[in-house]
Protein backbone atom coordinates (compact mmCIF):
# COMPACT_ATOMS: atom_id res chain seq x y z
CA MET A 1 21.06 14.43 39.45
CA LEU A 2 21.96 11.04 37.77
CA TRP A 3 20.15 7.87 39.07
CA LYS A 4 20.45 4.25 38.14
CA ALA A 5 17.34 2.23 38.04
CA ARG A 6 17.23 -1.62 37.97
CA VAL A 7 14.28 -3.21 36.55
CA ARG A 8 13.18 -6.85 36.92
CA VAL A 9 10.40 -8.10 34.77
CA THR A 10 8.89 -11.49 35.47
CA LEU A 11 5.90 -13.48 34.15
CA LYS A 12 2.94 -13.52 36.42
CA LYS A 13 1.98 -16.78 38.28
CA GLY A 14 -0.08 -19.02 35.96
CA ILE A 15 1.50 -17.74 32.70
CA LEU A 16 3.25 -20.44 30.79
CA ASP A 17 6.98 -20.06 30.43
CA PRO A 18 8.21 -22.19 27.62
CA GLN A 19 11.74 -20.92 27.85
CA GLY A 20 11.82 -21.75 31.60
CA LYS A 21 10.51 -25.29 30.75
CA VAL A 22 13.22 -25.99 28.20
CA LEU A 23 15.91 -24.79 30.56
CA GLU A 24 14.26 -26.88 33.40
CA GLY A 25 14.42 -29.96 31.16
CA SER A 26 18.03 -29.28 30.18
CA LEU A 27 19.21 -28.84 33.83
CA ASP A 28 17.52 -32.12 34.60
CA ARG A 29 19.30 -33.92 31.70
CA LEU A 30 22.61 -32.38 33.02
CA GLY A 31 22.04 -33.94 36.32
CA TYR A 32 20.50 -31.19 38.36
CA LYS A 33 17.74 -33.29 39.66
CA GLU A 34 16.97 -31.01 42.57
CA VAL A 35 15.61 -28.26 40.15
CA ARG A 36 11.77 -28.12 40.38
CA GLU A 37 11.00 -24.99 38.41
CA VAL A 38 12.68 -22.44 36.16
CA ARG A 39 11.13 -19.04 35.32
CA VAL A 40 12.78 -16.70 32.88
CA GLY A 41 12.46 -12.91 33.09
CA LYS A 42 14.32 -9.72 31.97
CA TYR A 43 16.67 -7.44 33.80
CA MET A 44 17.42 -3.92 32.74
CA GLU A 45 19.62 -1.03 34.00
CA ILE A 46 18.48 2.43 33.09
CA ALA A 47 20.56 5.62 33.90
CA LEU A 48 18.39 8.67 33.89
CA GLU A 49 18.39 12.34 35.13
CA ALA A 50 15.76 13.28 37.75
CA GLU A 51 15.60 15.82 40.47
CA ASP A 52 15.28 13.05 43.28
CA ALA A 53 14.90 9.35 43.84
CA PRO A 54 11.01 9.48 43.95
CA GLY A 55 10.94 11.33 40.69
CA ALA A 56 13.35 8.87 38.93
CA ARG A 57 11.22 5.92 40.18
CA VAL A 58 7.90 7.43 38.95
CA ARG A 59 9.50 7.83 35.51
CA VAL A 60 10.91 4.33 35.34
CA GLU A 61 7.63 2.84 36.49
CA GLU A 62 5.83 4.79 33.70
CA MET A 63 8.39 3.38 31.19
CA CYS A 64 7.69 -0.13 32.46
CA ARG A 65 3.92 0.38 32.16
CA ARG A 66 4.19 1.85 28.64
CA LEU A 67 6.97 -0.25 27.15
CA LEU A 68 9.33 -2.38 29.25
CA ALA A 69 6.67 -4.80 30.65
CA ASN A 70 3.41 -6.18 29.35
CA PRO A 71 1.10 -5.59 32.42
CA VAL A 72 -1.30 -8.36 31.24
CA ILE A 73 1.27 -11.13 31.65
CA GLU A 74 4.28 -9.60 33.53
CA ASN A 75 5.13 -8.01 36.88
CA PHE A 76 7.90 -5.58 37.32
CA ALA A 77 9.98 -4.34 40.20
CA VAL A 78 12.14 -1.28 40.29
CA ASP A 79 15.13 -0.29 42.37
CA VAL A 80 16.61 3.25 42.21
CA ASP A 81 20.01 4.30 43.54
CA ALA A 82 22.26 7.17 42.90
CA GLU A 83 24.53 6.51 39.95
CA PRO A 84 28.16 5.96 41.02
CA GLY A 85 30.22 9.09 40.13
CA GLY A 86 26.90 11.11 39.95
CA ALA A 87 26.07 14.08 42.14
CA ALA A 88 24.50 11.96 44.95
CA THR A 89 25.40 8.83 46.75
CA THR A 90 23.05 5.98 47.71
CA ALA A 91 22.99 7.05 51.36
CA GLN A 92 22.02 10.66 50.23
CA ALA A 93 19.25 9.10 48.03
CA LYS A 94 17.89 7.04 50.96
CA SER A 95 18.10 10.12 53.20
CA GLN A 96 16.30 12.34 50.74
CA ALA A 97 13.53 9.67 50.21
CA ALA A 98 13.04 9.59 54.04
CA GLN A 99 12.89 13.40 54.22
CA ASP A 100 10.31 13.46 51.47
CA GLY A 101 8.10 11.41 53.82
CA GLY A 102 8.59 8.10 51.83
CA ALA A 103 7.03 9.54 48.73
CA GLY A 104 7.46 7.15 45.90
CA ALA A 105 6.93 4.12 47.97
CA GLY A 106 10.58 3.34 48.74
CA ALA A 107 12.03 5.17 45.82
CA ALA A 108 15.67 4.69 46.92
CA GLY A 109 15.05 1.00 47.68
CA THR A 110 13.12 -2.02 46.39
CA GLY A 111 9.54 -1.87 45.29
CA THR A 112 7.14 -3.50 43.09
CA GLY A 113 5.58 -1.69 40.22
CA THR A 114 1.98 -0.66 40.45
CA GLY A 115 -0.78 0.05 37.94
CA ALA A 116 -3.34 -1.79 36.04
CA GLY A 117 -2.54 -5.40 36.66
CA VAL A 118 1.07 -4.88 37.50
CA GLY A 119 2.67 -6.01 40.68
CA ARG A 120 -0.16 -8.35 41.64
């Protein structure tokens, strides 16, 4: 079955974000005085084959821990849905996750990555 994973990677609190600071200053100079903080992150979409939503989620979280995010300074969050035009629909994916007893901690919905230093 084809699944689409959406991955958001953000810097952990307390980690300096020089790119965010530059954007914050630029927005201020453009007249957006209400902006108090800008933090820059990464967004990725990954299409992958997996038996079910929990399986897809486990694989993408592994990708995040091994390559896509630096667990020392970054957090990640993963959403998994059925790929449009694929064999399943989002409703089927959510139904399947519910039938699996919630295995994968919300595999068909939103969740935060777990692991050594990730998602904290």
